[in-house]
Amino acid sequence: MTIRVLLADDQAMIRSGLRLILEDQPDITVVAEAADGAEAVALARRLRPDVCLIDIRMPRLDGIEVTRALAGPGVTDPLRVVIVTTFDLDEYVYGALRAGAVGFILKNAGPTLLAEAVRAASTGDALISPSITLRLLQHLAPTKTPAVAQPAVPLSERETEVIRAIARGRTNQEIAAKLFISLSTVKGHLASIQMKLGLRNRVEIAAWAWESRLVDPANGQRAQ
């Protein structure tokens, strides 16, 4: 199945470059381009692409507003948004992820990672490289976050291990290998975690873990 992608960036050269990279892949096609956030929202709602690659800084509506409009908590049938930016510690990135984005990738990440991010998003997974995840975590460390809601049904020890792995940017395959469990078991834990925490995807799980300080901001290891 071909993955249909919408590109949104206010720079024509960036859009052209991203299009060339993505359409070089046999399973990805770019169905539309948008030069600003408002156009991105309109095109995405009309075309319903499988993945929306959205720049964080655009005129009219920025990436966080676009993300909220297409994938926010109030959206009944959310689209899959991947944030693409030059700034790995941009002040808007965390907000965009909390607004419903399922991935975050740098423009200089390279063709392979870009294609992997699109494929991951299309299957409901997410791709945020471990280095970026850790830097976001360290960036958030000095900030004060509001009280984090705890699940009504307690998390199991294994579920907590899975959450910590997600917060460090691990893929399902990596989690399965590290914990010596099957891929289907990992997915089962993810479904249980999402239900207990009332969250929609692994990015929201990672954000919950960061806010709950389940991972040590200093080094990405288990919090004591």
N, C-alpha and C. Protein backbone atom coordinates (compact mmCIF):
# COMPACT_ATOMS: atom_id res chain seq x y z
N MET A 1 0.84 -1.20 0.00
CA MET A 1 0.00 0.00 0.00
C MET A 1 0.87 1.25 0.00
N THR A 2 0.52 2.22 -0.84
CA THR A 2 1.27 3.46 -0.92
C THR A 2 0.85 4.41 0.21
N ILE A 3 1.84 4.99 0.88
CA ILE A 3 1.58 5.93 1.97
C ILE A 3 1.44 7.33 1.38
N ARG A 4 0.31 7.96 1.59
CA ARG A 4 0.02 9.28 1.03
C ARG A 4 0.44 10.36 2.04
N VAL A 5 1.29 11.29 1.58
CA VAL A 5 1.88 12.29 2.48
C VAL A 5 1.53 13.71 2.05
N LEU A 6 1.23 14.55 3.03
CA LEU A 6 1.09 15.99 2.82
C LEU A 6 2.32 16.69 3.39
N LEU A 7 2.94 17.57 2.61
CA LEU A 7 4.09 18.35 3.07
C LEU A 7 3.65 19.78 3.36
N ALA A 8 4.07 20.33 4.49
CA ALA A 8 3.76 21.72 4.82
C ALA A 8 5.02 22.41 5.31
N ASP A 9 5.50 23.37 4.51
CA ASP A 9 6.69 24.16 4.86
C ASP A 9 6.62 25.45 4.07
N ASP A 10 6.98 26.56 4.69
CA ASP A 10 6.86 27.84 3.99
C ASP A 10 8.00 28.08 3.00
N GLN A 11 9.00 27.21 2.98
CA GLN A 11 10.11 27.36 2.04
C GLN A 11 9.98 26.35 0.89
N ALA A 12 9.84 26.88 -0.33
CA ALA A 12 9.63 26.01 -1.49
C ALA A 12 10.78 25.03 -1.70
N MET A 13 12.01 25.47 -1.44
CA MET A 13 13.17 24.59 -1.63
C MET A 13 13.13 23.41 -0.66
N ILE A 14 12.72 23.66 0.57
CA ILE A 14 12.61 22.58 1.56
C ILE A 14 11.55 21.59 1.12
N ARG A 15 10.40 22.10 0.67
CA ARG A 15 9.33 21.20 0.22
C ARG A 15 9.79 20.35 -0.96
N SER A 16 10.50 20.97 -1.90
CA SER A 16 11.00 20.23 -3.06
C SER A 16 11.97 19.14 -2.65
N GLY A 17 12.85 19.48 -1.70
CA GLY A 17 13.82 18.50 -1.22
C GLY A 17 13.16 17.32 -0.53
N LEU A 18 12.17 17.62 0.32
CA LEU A 18 11.45 16.57 1.03
C LEU A 18 10.68 15.69 0.04
N ARG A 19 10.07 16.34 -0.96
CA ARG A 19 9.32 15.58 -1.97
C ARG A 19 10.24 14.62 -2.72
N LEU A 20 11.41 15.10 -3.13
CA LEU A 20 12.35 14.25 -3.86
C LEU A 20 12.76 13.04 -3.03
N ILE A 21 13.05 13.28 -1.75
CA ILE A 21 13.46 12.19 -0.86
C ILE A 21 12.34 11.16 -0.71
N LEU A 22 11.13 11.64 -0.45
CA LEU A 22 10.03 10.74 -0.18
C LEU A 22 9.56 9.98 -1.42
N GLU A 23 9.51 10.67 -2.55
CA GLU A 23 9.01 10.02 -3.76
C GLU A 23 10.05 9.10 -4.39
N ASP A 24 11.26 9.10 -3.83
CA ASP A 24 12.27 8.14 -4.24
C ASP A 24 12.00 6.77 -3.61
N GLN A 25 11.08 6.77 -2.62
CA GLN A 25 10.70 5.53 -1.94
C GLN A 25 9.54 4.88 -2.70
N PRO A 26 9.59 3.58 -2.91
CA PRO A 26 8.55 2.92 -3.71
C PRO A 26 7.18 2.91 -3.06
N ASP A 27 7.13 3.08 -1.73
CA ASP A 27 5.85 2.96 -1.02
C ASP A 27 5.32 4.30 -0.50
N ILE A 28 5.92 5.41 -0.94
CA ILE A 28 5.50 6.73 -0.44
C ILE A 28 5.23 7.67 -1.62
N THR A 29 4.15 8.42 -1.54
CA THR A 29 3.86 9.44 -2.55
C THR A 29 3.38 10.72 -1.87
N VAL A 30 3.78 11.87 -2.40
CA VAL A 30 3.35 13.16 -1.87
C VAL A 30 2.10 13.60 -2.62
N VAL A 31 0.99 13.76 -1.91
CA VAL A 31 -0.27 14.08 -2.57
C VAL A 31 -0.55 15.58 -2.61
N ALA A 32 0.15 16.36 -1.75
CA ALA A 32 -0.09 17.80 -1.75
C ALA A 32 1.01 18.51 -0.99
N GLU A 33 1.18 19.81 -1.29
CA GLU A 33 2.13 20.67 -0.57
C GLU A 33 1.39 21.91 -0.09
N ALA A 34 1.78 22.39 1.08
CA ALA A 34 1.19 23.62 1.63
C ALA A 34 2.31 24.57 2.02
N ALA A 35 2.10 25.87 1.74
CA ALA A 35 3.12 26.88 2.03
C ALA A 35 2.88 27.59 3.36
N ASP A 36 1.74 27.32 4.00
CA ASP A 36 1.47 27.91 5.31
C ASP A 36 0.54 27.00 6.09
N GLY A 37 0.37 27.30 7.37
CA GLY A 37 -0.40 26.43 8.24
C GLY A 37 -1.87 26.33 7.90
N ALA A 38 -2.48 27.44 7.53
CA ALA A 38 -3.90 27.43 7.20
C ALA A 38 -4.17 26.57 5.97
N GLU A 39 -3.30 26.69 4.98
CA GLU A 39 -3.43 25.87 3.77
C GLU A 39 -3.23 24.39 4.11
N ALA A 40 -2.30 24.11 5.01
CA ALA A 40 -2.05 22.73 5.42
C ALA A 40 -3.29 22.10 6.05
N VAL A 41 -3.95 22.85 6.93
CA VAL A 41 -5.16 22.34 7.59
C VAL A 41 -6.25 22.07 6.56
N ALA A 42 -6.45 23.01 5.64
CA ALA A 42 -7.50 22.87 4.62
C ALA A 42 -7.24 21.66 3.72
N LEU A 43 -6.00 21.53 3.25
CA LEU A 43 -5.66 20.41 2.37
C LEU A 43 -5.75 19.08 3.09
N ALA A 44 -5.28 19.04 4.33
CA ALA A 44 -5.29 17.79 5.09
C ALA A 44 -6.72 17.33 5.35
N ARG A 45 -7.60 18.26 5.68
CA ARG A 45 -8.98 17.89 5.95
C ARG A 45 -9.69 17.41 4.69
N ARG A 46 -9.31 17.99 3.55
CA ARG A 46 -9.95 17.60 2.29
C ARG A 46 -9.40 16.29 1.75
N LEU A 47 -8.08 16.10 1.81
CA LEU A 47 -7.44 14.94 1.18
C LEU A 47 -7.26 13.75 2.12
N ARG A 48 -7.27 14.00 3.43
CA ARG A 48 -7.09 12.93 4.42
C ARG A 48 -5.85 12.08 4.12
N PRO A 49 -4.66 12.69 4.07
CA PRO A 49 -3.44 11.92 3.80
C PRO A 49 -3.14 10.96 4.97
N ASP A 50 -2.32 9.96 4.71
CA ASP A 50 -1.94 9.01 5.75
C ASP A 50 -1.03 9.67 6.78
N VAL A 51 -0.15 10.56 6.31
CA VAL A 51 0.80 11.25 7.18
C VAL A 51 0.92 12.71 6.75
N CYS A 52 0.96 13.62 7.72
CA CYS A 52 1.19 15.04 7.46
C CYS A 52 2.55 15.41 8.02
N LEU A 53 3.47 15.85 7.16
CA LEU A 53 4.77 16.33 7.61
C LEU A 53 4.68 17.84 7.73
N ILE A 54 4.72 18.35 8.96
CA ILE A 54 4.43 19.75 9.23
C ILE A 54 5.64 20.46 9.82
N ASP A 55 6.02 21.57 9.20
CA ASP A 55 7.09 22.41 9.73
C ASP A 55 6.58 23.11 10.99
N ILE A 56 7.45 23.31 11.96
CA ILE A 56 7.02 23.90 13.23
C ILE A 56 6.78 25.40 13.12
N ARG A 57 7.51 26.07 12.22
CA ARG A 57 7.37 27.53 12.09
C ARG A 57 6.88 27.89 10.70
N MET A 58 5.62 28.33 10.63
CA MET A 58 5.01 28.72 9.36
C MET A 58 4.11 29.93 9.56
N PRO A 59 3.85 30.68 8.47
CA PRO A 59 2.92 31.81 8.58
C PRO A 59 1.47 31.36 8.77
N ARG A 60 0.64 32.32 9.20
CA ARG A 60 -0.80 32.15 9.43
C ARG A 60 -1.10 31.21 10.60
N LEU A 61 -0.73 29.95 10.49
CA LEU A 61 -0.83 29.03 11.62
C LEU A 61 0.51 28.32 11.76
N ASP A 62 1.04 28.26 12.99
CA ASP A 62 2.31 27.55 13.15
C ASP A 62 2.05 26.05 13.33
N GLY A 63 3.14 25.28 13.44
CA GLY A 63 3.03 23.83 13.51
C GLY A 63 2.19 23.32 14.66
N ILE A 64 2.27 23.99 15.80
CA ILE A 64 1.51 23.53 16.97
C ILE A 64 0.01 23.76 16.76
N GLU A 65 -0.35 24.87 16.12
CA GLU A 65 -1.77 25.14 15.84
C GLU A 65 -2.31 24.17 14.80
N VAL A 66 -1.49 23.88 13.79
CA VAL A 66 -1.89 22.91 12.76
C VAL A 66 -2.08 21.53 13.39
N THR A 67 -1.14 21.15 14.23
CA THR A 67 -1.22 19.84 14.89
C THR A 67 -2.48 19.74 15.73
N ARG A 68 -2.76 20.78 16.50
CA ARG A 68 -3.96 20.76 17.34
C ARG A 68 -5.23 20.66 16.50
N ALA A 69 -5.24 21.35 15.35
CA ALA A 69 -6.42 21.33 14.48
C ALA A 69 -6.63 19.96 13.84
N LEU A 70 -5.54 19.27 13.53
CA LEU A 70 -5.64 18.00 12.81
C LEU A 70 -5.61 16.77 13.71
N ALA A 71 -4.99 16.92 14.89
CA ALA A 71 -4.79 15.73 15.73
C ALA A 71 -4.99 16.00 17.21
N GLY A 72 -5.54 17.15 17.54
CA GLY A 72 -5.70 17.53 18.95
C GLY A 72 -6.71 16.67 19.69
N PRO A 73 -6.76 16.82 21.01
CA PRO A 73 -7.66 16.01 21.85
C PRO A 73 -9.12 16.07 21.44
N GLY A 74 -9.56 17.20 20.88
CA GLY A 74 -10.96 17.32 20.51
C GLY A 74 -11.30 16.81 19.13
N VAL A 75 -10.31 16.31 18.39
CA VAL A 75 -10.53 15.85 17.01
C VAL A 75 -11.01 14.40 17.04
N THR A 76 -12.19 14.17 16.44
CA THR A 76 -12.76 12.82 16.49
C THR A 76 -11.99 11.81 15.65
N ASP A 77 -11.55 12.20 14.48
CA ASP A 77 -10.82 11.28 13.61
C ASP A 77 -9.46 11.90 13.29
N PRO A 78 -8.52 11.88 14.25
CA PRO A 78 -7.27 12.61 14.09
C PRO A 78 -6.38 12.07 12.98
N LEU A 79 -5.69 12.98 12.32
CA LEU A 79 -4.69 12.61 11.31
C LEU A 79 -3.35 12.40 12.01
N ARG A 80 -2.44 11.75 11.32
CA ARG A 80 -1.11 11.48 11.89
C ARG A 80 -0.15 12.57 11.46
N VAL A 81 0.32 13.33 12.43
CA VAL A 81 1.18 14.48 12.18
C VAL A 81 2.60 14.19 12.67
N VAL A 82 3.56 14.43 11.78
CA VAL A 82 4.97 14.35 12.16
C VAL A 82 5.55 15.75 12.03
N ILE A 83 6.17 16.25 13.09
CA ILE A 83 6.76 17.57 13.09
C ILE A 83 8.15 17.51 12.45
N VAL A 84 8.40 18.40 11.51
CA VAL A 84 9.71 18.49 10.86
C VAL A 84 10.27 19.88 11.14
N THR A 85 11.47 19.95 11.69
CA THR A 85 12.02 21.25 12.06
C THR A 85 13.54 21.26 12.00
N THR A 86 14.10 22.46 11.95
CA THR A 86 15.55 22.64 12.02
C THR A 86 16.01 22.66 13.47
N PHE A 87 15.08 22.95 14.38
CA PHE A 87 15.44 23.21 15.77
C PHE A 87 15.08 22.02 16.66
N ASP A 88 16.08 21.27 17.12
CA ASP A 88 15.79 20.10 17.94
C ASP A 88 15.37 20.48 19.35
N LEU A 89 15.58 21.73 19.75
CA LEU A 89 15.12 22.17 21.06
C LEU A 89 14.20 23.39 20.92
N ASP A 90 13.50 23.44 19.82
CA ASP A 90 12.57 24.55 19.59
C ASP A 90 11.54 24.58 20.71
N GLU A 91 11.21 25.79 21.17
CA GLU A 91 10.28 25.93 22.30
C GLU A 91 8.89 25.41 21.98
N TYR A 92 8.57 25.28 20.68
CA TYR A 92 7.24 24.82 20.31
C TYR A 92 7.13 23.30 20.17
N VAL A 93 8.27 22.62 20.10
CA VAL A 93 8.25 21.19 19.80
C VAL A 93 7.47 20.39 20.83
N TYR A 94 7.77 20.61 22.11
CA TYR A 94 7.09 19.86 23.16
C TYR A 94 5.58 20.11 23.10
N GLY A 95 5.21 21.37 22.88
CA GLY A 95 3.79 21.70 22.78
C GLY A 95 3.12 20.99 21.62
N ALA A 96 3.83 20.88 20.50
CA ALA A 96 3.27 20.20 19.33
C ALA A 96 3.08 18.72 19.60
N LEU A 97 4.03 18.11 20.28
CA LEU A 97 3.91 16.69 20.62
C LEU A 97 2.71 16.48 21.56
N ARG A 98 2.56 17.38 22.53
CA ARG A 98 1.43 17.28 23.45
C ARG A 98 0.11 17.56 22.74
N ALA A 99 0.17 18.30 21.62
CA ALA A 99 -1.05 18.64 20.89
C ALA A 99 -1.52 17.47 20.01
N GLY A 100 -0.71 16.41 19.92
CA GLY A 100 -1.17 15.23 19.17
C GLY A 100 -0.25 14.72 18.10
N ALA A 101 0.92 15.34 17.92
CA ALA A 101 1.86 14.84 16.91
C ALA A 101 2.35 13.45 17.30
N VAL A 102 2.59 12.61 16.30
CA VAL A 102 3.04 11.24 16.57
C VAL A 102 4.52 11.04 16.25
N GLY A 103 5.21 12.11 15.89
CA GLY A 103 6.63 11.99 15.59
C GLY A 103 7.29 13.34 15.52
N PHE A 104 8.60 13.32 15.57
CA PHE A 104 9.38 14.55 15.55
C PHE A 104 10.71 14.24 14.89
N ILE A 105 11.03 14.95 13.82
CA ILE A 105 12.25 14.65 13.09
C ILE A 105 12.91 15.94 12.62
N LEU A 106 14.23 15.96 12.60
CA LEU A 106 14.97 17.12 12.13
C LEU A 106 15.09 17.10 10.61
N LYS A 107 15.15 18.30 10.02
CA LYS A 107 15.26 18.39 8.56
C LYS A 107 16.57 17.80 8.04
N ASN A 108 17.59 17.80 8.89
CA ASN A 108 18.88 17.25 8.46
C ASN A 108 19.08 15.81 8.90
N ALA A 109 17.99 15.14 9.26
CA ALA A 109 18.10 13.77 9.78
C ALA A 109 18.54 12.78 8.71
N GLY A 110 18.34 13.12 7.44
CA GLY A 110 18.74 12.21 6.37
C GLY A 110 17.56 11.48 5.78
N PRO A 111 17.67 11.05 4.52
CA PRO A 111 16.57 10.40 3.80
C PRO A 111 16.04 9.14 4.48
N THR A 112 16.93 8.31 5.00
CA THR A 112 16.49 7.04 5.60
C THR A 112 15.59 7.27 6.80
N LEU A 113 16.02 8.16 7.71
CA LEU A 113 15.25 8.42 8.92
C LEU A 113 13.92 9.10 8.58
N LEU A 114 13.94 9.97 7.60
CA LEU A 114 12.70 10.65 7.19
C LEU A 114 11.69 9.62 6.69
N ALA A 115 12.13 8.72 5.82
CA ALA A 115 11.23 7.69 5.30
C ALA A 115 10.74 6.78 6.42
N GLU A 116 11.63 6.44 7.36
CA GLU A 116 11.24 5.59 8.49
C GLU A 116 10.20 6.28 9.36
N ALA A 117 10.35 7.59 9.54
CA ALA A 117 9.39 8.35 10.34
C ALA A 117 8.01 8.32 9.70
N VAL A 118 7.97 8.46 8.38
CA VAL A 118 6.70 8.43 7.65
C VAL A 118 6.06 7.05 7.77
N ARG A 119 6.87 6.01 7.59
CA ARG A 119 6.33 4.65 7.68
C ARG A 119 5.82 4.35 9.09
N ALA A 120 6.58 4.78 10.09
CA ALA A 120 6.17 4.54 11.47
C ALA A 120 4.85 5.23 11.76
N ALA A 121 4.73 6.48 11.35
CA ALA A 121 3.50 7.24 11.59
C ALA A 121 2.31 6.61 10.88
N SER A 122 2.54 6.10 9.68
CA SER A 122 1.44 5.52 8.90
C SER A 122 0.86 4.27 9.54
N THR A 123 1.65 3.60 10.36
CA THR A 123 1.16 2.38 11.02
C THR A 123 0.71 2.66 12.46
N GLY A 124 0.67 3.94 12.82
CA GLY A 124 0.23 4.31 14.16
C GLY A 124 1.33 4.29 15.19
N ASP A 125 2.57 4.06 14.74
CA ASP A 125 3.71 4.08 15.64
C ASP A 125 4.26 5.50 15.64
N ALA A 126 5.42 5.71 16.22
CA ALA A 126 6.03 7.03 16.20
C ALA A 126 7.53 6.88 16.15
N LEU A 127 8.19 7.87 15.57
CA LEU A 127 9.64 7.84 15.53
C LEU A 127 10.17 9.17 16.03
N ILE A 128 10.83 9.11 17.17
CA ILE A 128 11.60 10.24 17.67
C ILE A 128 12.94 9.65 18.05
N SER A 129 14.00 10.10 17.41
CA SER A 129 15.29 9.46 17.65
C SER A 129 15.67 9.56 19.13
N PRO A 130 16.34 8.51 19.66
CA PRO A 130 16.71 8.51 21.08
C PRO A 130 17.48 9.75 21.50
N SER A 131 18.37 10.24 20.65
CA SER A 131 19.15 11.43 21.03
C SER A 131 18.26 12.65 21.19
N ILE A 132 17.27 12.78 20.31
CA ILE A 132 16.34 13.91 20.39
C ILE A 132 15.45 13.75 21.62
N THR A 133 15.00 12.53 21.87
CA THR A 133 14.16 12.28 23.04
C THR A 133 14.89 12.68 24.31
N LEU A 134 16.15 12.28 24.42
CA LEU A 134 16.93 12.59 25.61
C LEU A 134 17.15 14.10 25.76
N ARG A 135 17.43 14.78 24.65
CA ARG A 135 17.66 16.22 24.71
C ARG A 135 16.39 16.96 25.08
N LEU A 136 15.24 16.49 24.57
CA LEU A 136 13.97 17.09 24.98
C LEU A 136 13.74 16.89 26.47
N LEU A 137 14.06 15.70 26.95
CA LEU A 137 13.91 15.40 28.36
C LEU A 137 14.78 16.32 29.20
N GLN A 138 16.04 16.50 28.78
CA GLN A 138 16.94 17.37 29.52
C GLN A 138 16.48 18.83 29.47
N HIS A 139 15.90 19.21 28.32
CA HIS A 139 15.39 20.57 28.16
C HIS A 139 14.22 20.82 29.11
N LEU A 140 13.41 19.78 29.32
CA LEU A 140 12.24 19.92 30.17
C LEU A 140 12.58 19.88 31.65
N ALA A 141 13.73 19.31 31.98
CA ALA A 141 14.09 19.08 33.37
C ALA A 141 13.97 20.31 34.27
N PRO A 142 14.45 21.50 33.84
CA PRO A 142 14.39 22.65 34.75
C PRO A 142 13.00 23.24 34.89
N THR A 143 12.08 22.87 33.99
CA THR A 143 10.77 23.50 34.00
C THR A 143 9.87 22.85 35.03
N LYS A 144 8.89 23.60 35.47
CA LYS A 144 7.91 23.06 36.41
C LYS A 144 6.71 22.58 35.63
N THR A 145 6.38 21.33 35.78
CA THR A 145 5.21 20.79 35.09
C THR A 145 4.07 20.64 36.09
N PRO A 146 2.83 20.75 35.60
CA PRO A 146 1.69 20.60 36.50
C PRO A 146 1.63 19.17 37.05
N ALA A 147 0.84 19.01 38.10
CA ALA A 147 0.70 17.68 38.71
C ALA A 147 0.21 16.70 37.65
N VAL A 148 0.85 15.54 37.59
CA VAL A 148 0.52 14.55 36.58
C VAL A 148 -0.49 13.57 37.13
N ALA A 149 -1.55 13.36 36.36
CA ALA A 149 -2.59 12.42 36.81
C ALA A 149 -2.04 11.01 36.84
N GLN A 150 -2.32 10.31 37.92
CA GLN A 150 -1.89 8.93 38.06
C GLN A 150 -3.04 8.00 37.66
N PRO A 151 -2.71 6.84 37.09
CA PRO A 151 -3.77 5.93 36.62
C PRO A 151 -4.61 5.39 37.76
N ALA A 152 -5.91 5.23 37.50
CA ALA A 152 -6.81 4.66 38.51
C ALA A 152 -6.45 3.21 38.78
N VAL A 153 -6.08 2.49 37.70
CA VAL A 153 -5.61 1.11 37.83
C VAL A 153 -4.08 1.15 37.78
N PRO A 154 -3.39 0.69 38.83
CA PRO A 154 -1.93 0.80 38.87
C PRO A 154 -1.24 0.10 37.70
N LEU A 155 -0.14 0.67 37.27
CA LEU A 155 0.67 0.06 36.21
C LEU A 155 1.44 -1.11 36.79
N SER A 156 1.61 -2.15 35.98
CA SER A 156 2.42 -3.28 36.42
C SER A 156 3.90 -2.90 36.28
N GLU A 157 4.75 -3.70 36.90
CA GLU A 157 6.20 -3.44 36.80
C GLU A 157 6.66 -3.52 35.36
N ARG A 158 6.15 -4.49 34.60
CA ARG A 158 6.54 -4.62 33.20
C ARG A 158 6.04 -3.44 32.37
N GLU A 159 4.83 -2.97 32.65
CA GLU A 159 4.30 -1.81 31.93
C GLU A 159 5.15 -0.58 32.21
N THR A 160 5.62 -0.43 33.44
CA THR A 160 6.49 0.70 33.78
C THR A 160 7.81 0.61 33.03
N GLU A 161 8.34 -0.61 32.87
CA GLU A 161 9.57 -0.80 32.10
C GLU A 161 9.36 -0.40 30.65
N VAL A 162 8.21 -0.76 30.09
CA VAL A 162 7.89 -0.41 28.71
C VAL A 162 7.78 1.11 28.56
N ILE A 163 7.15 1.76 29.53
CA ILE A 163 7.00 3.22 29.49
C ILE A 163 8.38 3.90 29.50
N ARG A 164 9.27 3.42 30.36
CA ARG A 164 10.62 4.00 30.43
C ARG A 164 11.35 3.83 29.09
N ALA A 165 11.17 2.68 28.48
CA ALA A 165 11.82 2.43 27.18
C ALA A 165 11.27 3.36 26.11
N ILE A 166 9.97 3.57 26.13
CA ILE A 166 9.34 4.49 25.18
C ILE A 166 9.87 5.90 25.38
N ALA A 167 9.99 6.31 26.64
CA ALA A 167 10.47 7.66 26.96
C ALA A 167 11.91 7.88 26.49
N ARG A 168 12.67 6.79 26.34
CA ARG A 168 14.04 6.90 25.86
C ARG A 168 14.11 6.80 24.34
N GLY A 169 12.95 6.71 23.67
CA GLY A 169 12.93 6.68 22.22
C GLY A 169 13.07 5.31 21.61
N ARG A 170 12.89 4.24 22.39
CA ARG A 170 13.04 2.88 21.86
C ARG A 170 11.85 2.49 20.98
N THR A 171 12.13 1.74 19.93
CA THR A 171 11.06 1.21 19.07
C THR A 171 10.48 -0.04 19.72
N ASN A 172 9.35 -0.50 19.18
CA ASN A 172 8.75 -1.73 19.70
C ASN A 172 9.71 -2.91 19.60
N GLN A 173 10.42 -2.99 18.46
CA GLN A 173 11.37 -4.09 18.26
C GLN A 173 12.49 -4.03 19.30
N GLU A 174 12.99 -2.83 19.58
CA GLU A 174 14.06 -2.68 20.56
C GLU A 174 13.57 -3.03 21.97
N ILE A 175 12.33 -2.65 22.28
CA ILE A 175 11.76 -2.97 23.60
C ILE A 175 11.62 -4.48 23.74
N ALA A 176 11.13 -5.14 22.69
CA ALA A 176 10.96 -6.59 22.73
C ALA A 176 12.29 -7.29 22.97
N ALA A 177 13.34 -6.83 22.26
CA ALA A 177 14.66 -7.45 22.41
C ALA A 177 15.23 -7.21 23.81
N LYS A 178 15.07 -6.00 24.32
CA LYS A 178 15.64 -5.66 25.62
C LYS A 178 14.96 -6.42 26.77
N LEU A 179 13.64 -6.57 26.66
CA LEU A 179 12.88 -7.21 27.74
C LEU A 179 12.66 -8.71 27.51
N PHE A 180 13.18 -9.22 26.38
CA PHE A 180 13.05 -10.64 26.05
C PHE A 180 11.59 -11.08 25.98
N ILE A 181 10.80 -10.27 25.28
CA ILE A 181 9.39 -10.60 25.07
C ILE A 181 9.09 -10.45 23.58
N SER A 182 7.94 -10.95 23.15
CA SER A 182 7.59 -10.88 21.73
C SER A 182 7.06 -9.50 21.37
N LEU A 183 7.06 -9.21 20.07
CA LEU A 183 6.56 -7.93 19.58
C LEU A 183 5.07 -7.77 19.91
N SER A 184 4.33 -8.86 19.79
CA SER A 184 2.89 -8.79 20.10
C SER A 184 2.65 -8.51 21.58
N THR A 185 3.55 -9.01 22.44
CA THR A 185 3.44 -8.73 23.87
C THR A 185 3.69 -7.25 24.15
N VAL A 186 4.68 -6.68 23.47
CA VAL A 186 4.96 -5.24 23.61
C VAL A 186 3.71 -4.44 23.22
N LYS A 187 3.10 -4.81 22.09
CA LYS A 187 1.91 -4.10 21.63
C LYS A 187 0.76 -4.25 22.62
N GLY A 188 0.67 -5.42 23.23
CA GLY A 188 -0.35 -5.64 24.25
C GLY A 188 -0.14 -4.74 25.46
N HIS A 189 1.12 -4.62 25.89
CA HIS A 189 1.44 -3.71 27.00
C HIS A 189 1.10 -2.27 26.63
N LEU A 190 1.42 -1.87 25.40
CA LEU A 190 1.13 -0.51 24.95
C LEU A 190 -0.37 -0.22 25.02
N ALA A 191 -1.16 -1.17 24.54
CA ALA A 191 -2.62 -0.99 24.57
C ALA A 191 -3.11 -0.84 26.01
N SER A 192 -2.58 -1.66 26.91
CA SER A 192 -2.98 -1.59 28.32
C SER A 192 -2.55 -0.26 28.94
N ILE A 193 -1.33 0.18 28.63
CA ILE A 193 -0.82 1.45 29.16
C ILE A 193 -1.69 2.62 28.70
N GLN A 194 -2.02 2.64 27.40
CA GLN A 194 -2.84 3.71 26.85
C GLN A 194 -4.21 3.74 27.54
N MET A 195 -4.78 2.57 27.77
CA MET A 195 -6.09 2.50 28.42
C MET A 195 -6.00 3.00 29.86
N LYS A 196 -4.98 2.56 30.60
CA LYS A 196 -4.85 2.96 32.00
C LYS A 196 -4.57 4.45 32.16
N LEU A 197 -3.76 5.00 31.24
CA LEU A 197 -3.38 6.41 31.35
C LEU A 197 -4.32 7.34 30.59
N GLY A 198 -5.20 6.77 29.77
CA GLY A 198 -6.10 7.59 28.97
C GLY A 198 -5.37 8.36 27.89
N LEU A 199 -4.33 7.74 27.29
CA LEU A 199 -3.52 8.39 26.27
C LEU A 199 -3.71 7.72 24.92
N ARG A 200 -3.38 8.46 23.84
CA ARG A 200 -3.70 7.97 22.51
C ARG A 200 -2.55 7.32 21.77
N ASN A 201 -1.30 7.67 22.10
CA ASN A 201 -0.18 7.11 21.35
C ASN A 201 1.09 7.13 22.20
N ARG A 202 2.19 6.59 21.64
CA ARG A 202 3.42 6.46 22.40
C ARG A 202 4.08 7.80 22.69
N VAL A 203 3.83 8.80 21.87
CA VAL A 203 4.39 10.12 22.15
C VAL A 203 3.77 10.70 23.42
N GLU A 204 2.46 10.54 23.57
CA GLU A 204 1.80 11.00 24.80
C GLU A 204 2.28 10.19 26.00
N ILE A 205 2.56 8.89 25.77
CA ILE A 205 3.11 8.06 26.85
C ILE A 205 4.48 8.59 27.26
N ALA A 206 5.32 8.92 26.28
CA ALA A 206 6.65 9.47 26.58
C ALA A 206 6.53 10.77 27.35
N ALA A 207 5.62 11.64 26.92
CA ALA A 207 5.43 12.92 27.61
C ALA A 207 4.98 12.69 29.05
N TRP A 208 4.08 11.73 29.26
CA TRP A 208 3.63 11.41 30.62
C TRP A 208 4.81 10.92 31.46
N ALA A 209 5.67 10.10 30.86
CA ALA A 209 6.84 9.58 31.59
C ALA A 209 7.78 10.71 31.97
N TRP A 210 8.01 11.65 31.04
CA TRP A 210 8.88 12.79 31.32
C TRP A 210 8.31 13.61 32.47
N GLU A 211 7.00 13.90 32.38
CA GLU A 211 6.36 14.73 33.41
C GLU A 211 6.34 14.02 34.77
N SER A 212 6.20 12.69 34.74
CA SER A 212 6.15 11.91 35.98
C SER A 212 7.54 11.64 36.52
N ARG A 213 8.57 12.03 35.74
CA ARG A 213 9.97 11.81 36.12
C ARG A 213 10.28 10.32 36.33
N LEU A 214 9.70 9.48 35.47
CA LEU A 214 10.04 8.06 35.50
C LEU A 214 11.43 7.81 34.92
N VAL A 215 11.92 8.80 34.17
CA VAL A 215 13.26 8.72 33.61
C VAL A 215 14.05 9.91 34.14
N ASP A 216 15.28 9.67 34.54
CA ASP A 216 16.13 10.72 35.09
C ASP A 216 16.52 11.70 34.00
N PRO A 217 16.13 13.00 34.09
CA PRO A 217 16.46 13.97 33.07
C PRO A 217 17.96 14.14 32.84
N ALA A 218 18.77 13.83 33.83
CA ALA A 218 20.21 14.07 33.72
C ALA A 218 20.89 13.14 32.73
N ASN A 219 20.42 11.90 32.69
CA ASN A 219 21.13 10.94 31.83
C ASN A 219 20.22 9.97 31.10
N GLY A 220 18.92 10.16 31.21
CA GLY A 220 18.01 9.30 30.49
C GLY A 220 17.84 7.93 31.12
N GLN A 221 18.39 7.74 32.33
CA GLN A 221 18.29 6.45 32.99
C GLN A 221 17.09 6.45 33.94
N ARG A 222 16.87 5.32 34.53
CA ARG A 222 15.74 5.15 35.44
C ARG A 222 15.86 6.11 36.63
N ALA A 223 14.77 6.81 36.91
CA ALA A 223 14.76 7.72 38.05
C ALA A 223 14.77 6.92 39.34
N GLN A 224 15.45 7.47 40.33
CA GLN A 224 15.53 6.77 41.63
C GLN A 224 14.37 7.20 42.52
